[in-house]
Amino acid sequence: MKFHYVGHACVGIEAENFILLLDPWFGYPFNLDEMSPYPPYGKPEDPFLKRVNAIHISHVHGDHLCPKSLAFFPMNIPIYIGAYAETSFQERLRLLGRSSVNLIPDQAGITVGPFRLFSFRPLKNDTSFDSILVL
């Protein structure tokens, strides 16, 4: 297994020629252009990113769910998110034209390429959007 650090929370994990990218954000300003990474980094022109097979997004903050960064990838690339009780996270991705949004069941997990993903979110009645991913 290989890890490829892009910046901030964006990391690519590669196994068996399959690449899962976590929280793609290429440093675009967000929150009314008031928040940017430090140190700054730009949209990578890395051939590694052209080979990404699937994306996991942990939550809706602009440094994890960034429409400008997602635009770098094909519209039909599979995106995986936690199975939140609140559905506006899914809807936001669908409004961006993302046709392949997949929910990761809490305890059962889901197979994505050579990986088995498990998402652990807050308590069932907590509607916040954040999770950790276990491979």
N, C-alpha and C. Protein backbone atom coordinates (compact mmCIF):
# COMPACT_ATOMS: atom_id res chain seq x y z
N MET A 1 0.85 -1.17 0.00
CA MET A 1 0.00 0.00 0.00
C MET A 1 0.90 1.24 0.00
N LYS A 2 0.52 2.23 -0.82
CA LYS A 2 1.28 3.47 -0.91
C LYS A 2 0.36 4.63 -0.53
N PHE A 3 0.95 5.63 0.11
CA PHE A 3 0.22 6.84 0.48
C PHE A 3 0.84 8.01 -0.27
N HIS A 4 -0.01 8.88 -0.80
CA HIS A 4 0.45 10.04 -1.55
C HIS A 4 -0.19 11.28 -0.92
N TYR A 5 0.63 12.07 -0.25
CA TYR A 5 0.12 13.27 0.40
C TYR A 5 0.00 14.39 -0.62
N VAL A 6 -1.20 14.96 -0.75
CA VAL A 6 -1.43 16.05 -1.68
C VAL A 6 -1.37 17.39 -0.95
N GLY A 7 -2.01 17.47 0.21
CA GLY A 7 -2.02 18.67 1.01
C GLY A 7 -3.21 18.68 1.93
N HIS A 8 -3.06 19.30 3.10
CA HIS A 8 -4.12 19.39 4.10
C HIS A 8 -4.61 17.98 4.44
N ALA A 9 -5.90 17.69 4.25
CA ALA A 9 -6.44 16.35 4.54
C ALA A 9 -6.50 15.48 3.29
N CYS A 10 -6.03 15.98 2.17
CA CYS A 10 -6.09 15.25 0.91
C CYS A 10 -4.92 14.28 0.79
N VAL A 11 -5.27 13.00 0.81
CA VAL A 11 -4.29 11.92 0.73
C VAL A 11 -4.82 10.88 -0.25
N GLY A 12 -3.95 10.38 -1.10
CA GLY A 12 -4.31 9.27 -1.97
C GLY A 12 -3.73 7.99 -1.40
N ILE A 13 -4.52 6.93 -1.43
CA ILE A 13 -4.08 5.62 -0.95
C ILE A 13 -4.16 4.67 -2.13
N GLU A 14 -3.06 4.01 -2.43
CA GLU A 14 -2.99 3.13 -3.60
C GLU A 14 -2.66 1.72 -3.18
N ALA A 15 -3.44 0.78 -3.71
CA ALA A 15 -3.17 -0.65 -3.53
C ALA A 15 -3.70 -1.36 -4.77
N GLU A 16 -2.94 -2.30 -5.27
CA GLU A 16 -3.36 -3.11 -6.42
C GLU A 16 -3.81 -2.24 -7.59
N ASN A 17 -3.08 -1.16 -7.87
CA ASN A 17 -3.37 -0.23 -8.97
C ASN A 17 -4.73 0.45 -8.84
N PHE A 18 -5.25 0.54 -7.64
CA PHE A 18 -6.50 1.23 -7.36
C PHE A 18 -6.17 2.38 -6.42
N ILE A 19 -6.68 3.58 -6.74
CA ILE A 19 -6.39 4.75 -5.91
C ILE A 19 -7.68 5.32 -5.33
N LEU A 20 -7.70 5.43 -4.02
CA LEU A 20 -8.79 6.08 -3.29
C LEU A 20 -8.25 7.41 -2.79
N LEU A 21 -8.92 8.51 -3.14
CA LEU A 21 -8.50 9.84 -2.73
C LEU A 21 -9.39 10.33 -1.61
N LEU A 22 -8.80 10.82 -0.55
CA LEU A 22 -9.54 11.31 0.61
C LEU A 22 -9.59 12.83 0.59
N ASP A 23 -10.78 13.38 0.77
CA ASP A 23 -11.00 14.82 0.96
C ASP A 23 -10.23 15.71 -0.02
N PRO A 24 -10.58 15.62 -1.32
CA PRO A 24 -9.83 16.43 -2.30
C PRO A 24 -10.07 17.93 -2.14
N TRP A 25 -9.01 18.60 -1.78
CA TRP A 25 -9.01 20.07 -1.74
C TRP A 25 -7.63 20.51 -2.20
N PHE A 26 -7.60 21.27 -3.27
CA PHE A 26 -6.34 21.69 -3.86
C PHE A 26 -5.98 23.12 -3.49
N GLY A 27 -6.46 23.57 -2.35
CA GLY A 27 -6.05 24.85 -1.80
C GLY A 27 -6.85 26.05 -2.26
N TYR A 28 -7.98 25.82 -2.93
CA TYR A 28 -8.81 26.95 -3.34
C TYR A 28 -9.36 27.66 -2.10
N PRO A 29 -9.41 28.99 -2.10
CA PRO A 29 -10.01 29.69 -0.97
C PRO A 29 -11.49 29.30 -0.82
N PHE A 30 -11.97 29.29 0.39
CA PHE A 30 -13.38 28.99 0.63
C PHE A 30 -13.89 29.87 1.75
N ASN A 31 -15.16 29.69 2.11
CA ASN A 31 -15.80 30.52 3.13
C ASN A 31 -15.71 32.00 2.75
N LEU A 32 -16.36 32.31 1.61
CA LEU A 32 -16.35 33.67 1.05
C LEU A 32 -14.92 34.16 0.76
N ASP A 33 -14.09 33.23 0.33
CA ASP A 33 -12.68 33.50 -0.02
C ASP A 33 -11.85 34.01 1.15
N GLU A 34 -12.29 33.72 2.36
CA GLU A 34 -11.55 34.17 3.54
C GLU A 34 -10.60 33.12 4.09
N MET A 35 -10.79 31.85 3.72
CA MET A 35 -9.95 30.80 4.27
C MET A 35 -9.16 30.14 3.15
N SER A 36 -7.87 30.01 3.37
CA SER A 36 -6.96 29.38 2.42
C SER A 36 -5.95 28.57 3.22
N PRO A 37 -5.28 27.63 2.56
CA PRO A 37 -4.31 26.82 3.29
C PRO A 37 -3.04 27.62 3.58
N TYR A 38 -2.38 27.22 4.63
CA TYR A 38 -1.05 27.76 4.91
C TYR A 38 -0.14 26.60 5.29
N PRO A 39 0.98 26.40 4.65
CA PRO A 39 1.45 27.20 3.52
C PRO A 39 0.58 26.94 2.29
N PRO A 40 0.51 27.91 1.38
CA PRO A 40 -0.35 27.75 0.21
C PRO A 40 0.14 26.64 -0.72
N TYR A 41 -0.78 26.01 -1.38
CA TYR A 41 -0.44 25.06 -2.44
C TYR A 41 -1.51 25.18 -3.50
N GLY A 42 -1.19 24.83 -4.71
CA GLY A 42 -2.12 25.00 -5.81
C GLY A 42 -2.67 23.68 -6.31
N LYS A 43 -3.52 23.74 -7.31
CA LYS A 43 -4.06 22.53 -7.91
C LYS A 43 -2.91 21.71 -8.49
N PRO A 44 -2.74 20.52 -8.01
CA PRO A 44 -1.61 19.73 -8.50
C PRO A 44 -1.80 19.27 -9.94
N GLU A 45 -0.75 19.29 -10.65
CA GLU A 45 -0.73 18.74 -12.01
C GLU A 45 -0.04 17.38 -11.96
N ASP A 46 -0.42 16.60 -10.98
CA ASP A 46 0.21 15.33 -10.69
C ASP A 46 -0.46 14.21 -11.48
N PRO A 47 0.28 13.43 -12.27
CA PRO A 47 -0.32 12.32 -13.01
C PRO A 47 -1.03 11.32 -12.09
N PHE A 48 -0.59 11.25 -10.86
CA PHE A 48 -1.22 10.38 -9.86
C PHE A 48 -2.72 10.68 -9.76
N LEU A 49 -3.09 11.95 -9.77
CA LEU A 49 -4.50 12.33 -9.62
C LEU A 49 -5.35 11.95 -10.82
N LYS A 50 -4.74 11.81 -11.97
CA LYS A 50 -5.50 11.39 -13.15
C LYS A 50 -5.86 9.91 -13.09
N ARG A 51 -5.25 9.18 -12.16
CA ARG A 51 -5.51 7.74 -12.04
C ARG A 51 -6.45 7.40 -10.87
N VAL A 52 -7.00 8.42 -10.20
CA VAL A 52 -7.88 8.18 -9.05
C VAL A 52 -9.13 7.40 -9.50
N ASN A 53 -9.46 6.35 -8.75
CA ASN A 53 -10.61 5.50 -9.06
C ASN A 53 -11.85 5.84 -8.25
N ALA A 54 -11.66 6.38 -7.04
CA ALA A 54 -12.79 6.67 -6.15
C ALA A 54 -12.36 7.75 -5.17
N ILE A 55 -13.36 8.43 -4.59
CA ILE A 55 -13.12 9.54 -3.66
C ILE A 55 -13.94 9.32 -2.40
N HIS A 56 -13.32 9.60 -1.25
CA HIS A 56 -14.06 9.63 0.02
C HIS A 56 -14.04 11.07 0.51
N ILE A 57 -15.21 11.57 0.94
CA ILE A 57 -15.31 12.92 1.51
C ILE A 57 -15.86 12.78 2.92
N SER A 58 -15.10 13.28 3.90
CA SER A 58 -15.47 13.08 5.30
C SER A 58 -16.61 13.98 5.77
N HIS A 59 -16.64 15.23 5.26
CA HIS A 59 -17.69 16.15 5.69
C HIS A 59 -17.76 17.35 4.75
N VAL A 60 -18.72 18.26 5.01
CA VAL A 60 -19.07 19.29 4.03
C VAL A 60 -18.24 20.57 4.08
N HIS A 61 -17.33 20.72 5.00
CA HIS A 61 -16.53 21.95 5.03
C HIS A 61 -15.75 22.10 3.73
N GLY A 62 -15.52 23.35 3.33
CA GLY A 62 -14.90 23.66 2.04
C GLY A 62 -13.50 23.12 1.84
N ASP A 63 -12.82 22.76 2.91
CA ASP A 63 -11.49 22.17 2.77
C ASP A 63 -11.56 20.64 2.70
N HIS A 64 -12.76 20.09 2.55
CA HIS A 64 -12.96 18.65 2.38
C HIS A 64 -13.90 18.39 1.20
N LEU A 65 -14.97 19.14 1.12
CA LEU A 65 -15.89 19.09 -0.02
C LEU A 65 -15.74 20.41 -0.77
N CYS A 66 -14.90 20.40 -1.78
CA CYS A 66 -14.58 21.61 -2.54
C CYS A 66 -15.04 21.41 -3.99
N PRO A 67 -16.09 22.10 -4.41
CA PRO A 67 -16.58 21.93 -5.79
C PRO A 67 -15.49 22.18 -6.85
N LYS A 68 -14.63 23.18 -6.64
CA LYS A 68 -13.57 23.46 -7.63
C LYS A 68 -12.58 22.31 -7.72
N SER A 69 -12.26 21.70 -6.60
CA SER A 69 -11.34 20.56 -6.63
C SER A 69 -12.02 19.33 -7.22
N LEU A 70 -13.29 19.11 -6.89
CA LEU A 70 -14.02 17.96 -7.46
C LEU A 70 -14.14 18.08 -8.98
N ALA A 71 -14.18 19.31 -9.50
CA ALA A 71 -14.32 19.53 -10.93
C ALA A 71 -13.14 18.95 -11.72
N PHE A 72 -12.05 18.69 -11.06
CA PHE A 72 -10.87 18.09 -11.68
C PHE A 72 -11.14 16.64 -12.09
N PHE A 73 -12.15 16.00 -11.47
CA PHE A 73 -12.42 14.58 -11.67
C PHE A 73 -13.68 14.37 -12.51
N PRO A 74 -13.76 13.23 -13.23
CA PRO A 74 -14.96 12.94 -14.03
C PRO A 74 -16.22 12.98 -13.16
N MET A 75 -17.33 13.38 -13.75
CA MET A 75 -18.59 13.51 -13.02
C MET A 75 -19.09 12.18 -12.47
N ASN A 76 -18.71 11.08 -13.11
CA ASN A 76 -19.23 9.78 -12.69
C ASN A 76 -18.27 9.01 -11.77
N ILE A 77 -17.19 9.65 -11.33
CA ILE A 77 -16.27 8.96 -10.42
C ILE A 77 -17.03 8.65 -9.12
N PRO A 78 -16.92 7.43 -8.60
CA PRO A 78 -17.64 7.10 -7.37
C PRO A 78 -17.15 7.93 -6.19
N ILE A 79 -18.10 8.48 -5.44
CA ILE A 79 -17.81 9.26 -4.24
C ILE A 79 -18.46 8.53 -3.07
N TYR A 80 -17.72 8.38 -1.98
CA TYR A 80 -18.20 7.68 -0.80
C TYR A 80 -18.27 8.64 0.38
N ILE A 81 -19.41 8.61 1.07
CA ILE A 81 -19.61 9.43 2.26
C ILE A 81 -20.27 8.57 3.33
N GLY A 82 -20.21 9.02 4.57
CA GLY A 82 -20.89 8.31 5.65
C GLY A 82 -22.40 8.31 5.43
N ALA A 83 -23.06 7.32 5.98
CA ALA A 83 -24.52 7.19 5.87
C ALA A 83 -25.19 8.05 6.94
N TYR A 84 -25.14 9.36 6.73
CA TYR A 84 -25.68 10.30 7.71
C TYR A 84 -27.20 10.29 7.70
N ALA A 85 -27.80 10.51 8.86
CA ALA A 85 -29.26 10.63 8.95
C ALA A 85 -29.73 11.86 8.16
N GLU A 86 -28.98 12.94 8.24
CA GLU A 86 -29.27 14.17 7.49
C GLU A 86 -28.82 13.96 6.04
N THR A 87 -29.70 14.21 5.08
CA THR A 87 -29.39 13.90 3.69
C THR A 87 -28.89 15.08 2.86
N SER A 88 -28.73 16.26 3.45
CA SER A 88 -28.32 17.41 2.65
C SER A 88 -26.89 17.28 2.10
N PHE A 89 -26.04 16.47 2.75
CA PHE A 89 -24.69 16.22 2.24
C PHE A 89 -24.80 15.53 0.87
N GLN A 90 -25.62 14.48 0.81
CA GLN A 90 -25.85 13.78 -0.45
C GLN A 90 -26.43 14.72 -1.50
N GLU A 91 -27.39 15.51 -1.08
CA GLU A 91 -28.05 16.43 -2.01
C GLU A 91 -27.07 17.45 -2.56
N ARG A 92 -26.19 17.93 -1.73
CA ARG A 92 -25.20 18.91 -2.19
C ARG A 92 -24.33 18.32 -3.30
N LEU A 93 -23.93 17.07 -3.13
CA LEU A 93 -23.13 16.40 -4.16
C LEU A 93 -23.95 16.19 -5.44
N ARG A 94 -25.18 15.83 -5.27
CA ARG A 94 -26.05 15.62 -6.44
C ARG A 94 -26.29 16.95 -7.18
N LEU A 95 -26.45 18.03 -6.43
CA LEU A 95 -26.61 19.34 -7.06
C LEU A 95 -25.38 19.76 -7.85
N LEU A 96 -24.22 19.22 -7.47
CA LEU A 96 -22.99 19.47 -8.21
C LEU A 96 -22.90 18.58 -9.45
N GLY A 97 -23.92 17.74 -9.65
CA GLY A 97 -23.95 16.86 -10.82
C GLY A 97 -23.26 15.54 -10.60
N ARG A 98 -22.93 15.23 -9.37
CA ARG A 98 -22.24 13.97 -9.06
C ARG A 98 -23.25 12.83 -9.07
N SER A 99 -23.09 11.91 -10.01
CA SER A 99 -24.09 10.87 -10.23
C SER A 99 -23.83 9.59 -9.46
N SER A 100 -22.67 9.47 -8.87
CA SER A 100 -22.34 8.22 -8.18
C SER A 100 -21.93 8.50 -6.73
N VAL A 101 -22.93 8.84 -5.91
CA VAL A 101 -22.69 9.07 -4.49
C VAL A 101 -23.11 7.81 -3.75
N ASN A 102 -22.18 7.24 -2.99
CA ASN A 102 -22.41 5.98 -2.30
C ASN A 102 -22.29 6.20 -0.79
N LEU A 103 -23.20 5.61 -0.05
CA LEU A 103 -23.19 5.73 1.41
C LEU A 103 -22.45 4.56 2.02
N ILE A 104 -21.60 4.86 3.00
CA ILE A 104 -20.87 3.82 3.72
C ILE A 104 -21.67 3.46 4.96
N PRO A 105 -22.19 2.24 5.01
CA PRO A 105 -22.95 1.83 6.20
C PRO A 105 -22.04 1.86 7.43
N ASP A 106 -22.59 2.31 8.55
CA ASP A 106 -21.79 2.48 9.76
C ASP A 106 -20.98 1.25 10.15
N GLN A 107 -21.65 0.17 10.43
CA GLN A 107 -20.96 -0.99 10.99
C GLN A 107 -20.57 -2.01 9.93
N ALA A 108 -21.36 -2.12 8.88
CA ALA A 108 -21.13 -3.15 7.88
C ALA A 108 -19.95 -2.80 6.96
N GLY A 109 -19.76 -1.54 6.70
CA GLY A 109 -18.70 -1.14 5.79
C GLY A 109 -19.07 -1.44 4.35
N ILE A 110 -18.16 -1.13 3.45
CA ILE A 110 -18.39 -1.32 2.02
C ILE A 110 -17.05 -1.60 1.35
N THR A 111 -17.07 -2.46 0.34
CA THR A 111 -15.85 -2.77 -0.41
C THR A 111 -15.71 -1.78 -1.56
N VAL A 112 -14.54 -1.16 -1.63
CA VAL A 112 -14.21 -0.22 -2.69
C VAL A 112 -12.86 -0.63 -3.23
N GLY A 113 -12.84 -1.22 -4.42
CA GLY A 113 -11.60 -1.75 -4.97
C GLY A 113 -11.01 -2.76 -3.99
N PRO A 114 -9.72 -2.63 -3.66
CA PRO A 114 -9.10 -3.56 -2.72
C PRO A 114 -9.32 -3.18 -1.26
N PHE A 115 -10.07 -2.13 -1.01
CA PHE A 115 -10.25 -1.61 0.34
C PHE A 115 -11.63 -1.99 0.89
N ARG A 116 -11.70 -2.10 2.19
CA ARG A 116 -12.98 -2.20 2.89
C ARG A 116 -13.09 -0.95 3.72
N LEU A 117 -14.10 -0.10 3.46
CA LEU A 117 -14.25 1.18 4.14
C LEU A 117 -15.31 1.08 5.22
N PHE A 118 -14.99 1.66 6.36
CA PHE A 118 -15.94 1.78 7.46
C PHE A 118 -15.96 3.25 7.86
N SER A 119 -17.13 3.78 8.07
CA SER A 119 -17.26 5.18 8.45
C SER A 119 -17.89 5.24 9.83
N PHE A 120 -17.25 5.97 10.71
CA PHE A 120 -17.76 6.13 12.07
C PHE A 120 -18.15 7.58 12.26
N ARG A 121 -19.40 7.80 12.50
CA ARG A 121 -19.92 9.15 12.64
C ARG A 121 -20.39 9.36 14.07
N PRO A 122 -20.82 10.56 14.39
CA PRO A 122 -21.33 10.81 15.74
C PRO A 122 -22.58 9.97 16.03
N LEU A 123 -23.13 10.16 17.20
CA LEU A 123 -24.31 9.42 17.62
C LEU A 123 -25.43 9.50 16.59
N LYS A 124 -26.30 8.50 16.56
CA LYS A 124 -27.37 8.42 15.56
C LYS A 124 -28.22 9.68 15.50
N ASN A 125 -28.51 10.29 16.63
CA ASN A 125 -29.37 11.47 16.62
C ASN A 125 -28.59 12.77 16.38
N ASP A 126 -27.30 12.65 16.19
CA ASP A 126 -26.47 13.82 15.89
C ASP A 126 -26.49 14.04 14.38
N THR A 127 -26.91 15.20 13.93
CA THR A 127 -27.02 15.45 12.49
C THR A 127 -25.78 16.13 11.92
N SER A 128 -24.71 16.22 12.69
CA SER A 128 -23.51 16.86 12.16
C SER A 128 -22.90 15.97 11.07
N PHE A 129 -22.06 16.60 10.26
CA PHE A 129 -21.45 15.90 9.14
C PHE A 129 -19.96 15.74 9.41
N ASP A 130 -19.57 14.66 9.94
CA ASP A 130 -18.16 14.36 10.05
C ASP A 130 -18.03 12.88 10.33
N SER A 131 -16.98 12.31 9.88
CA SER A 131 -16.76 10.89 10.09
C SER A 131 -15.27 10.63 10.04
N ILE A 132 -14.90 9.48 10.53
CA ILE A 132 -13.54 9.00 10.32
C ILE A 132 -13.65 7.79 9.42
N LEU A 133 -12.62 7.55 8.68
CA LEU A 133 -12.61 6.44 7.73
C LEU A 133 -11.59 5.43 8.21
N VAL A 134 -11.98 4.18 8.24
CA VAL A 134 -11.07 3.09 8.58
C VAL A 134 -10.96 2.21 7.36
N LEU A 135 -9.72 1.95 6.92
CA LEU A 135 -9.49 1.08 5.77
C LEU A 135 -9.16 -0.30 6.27
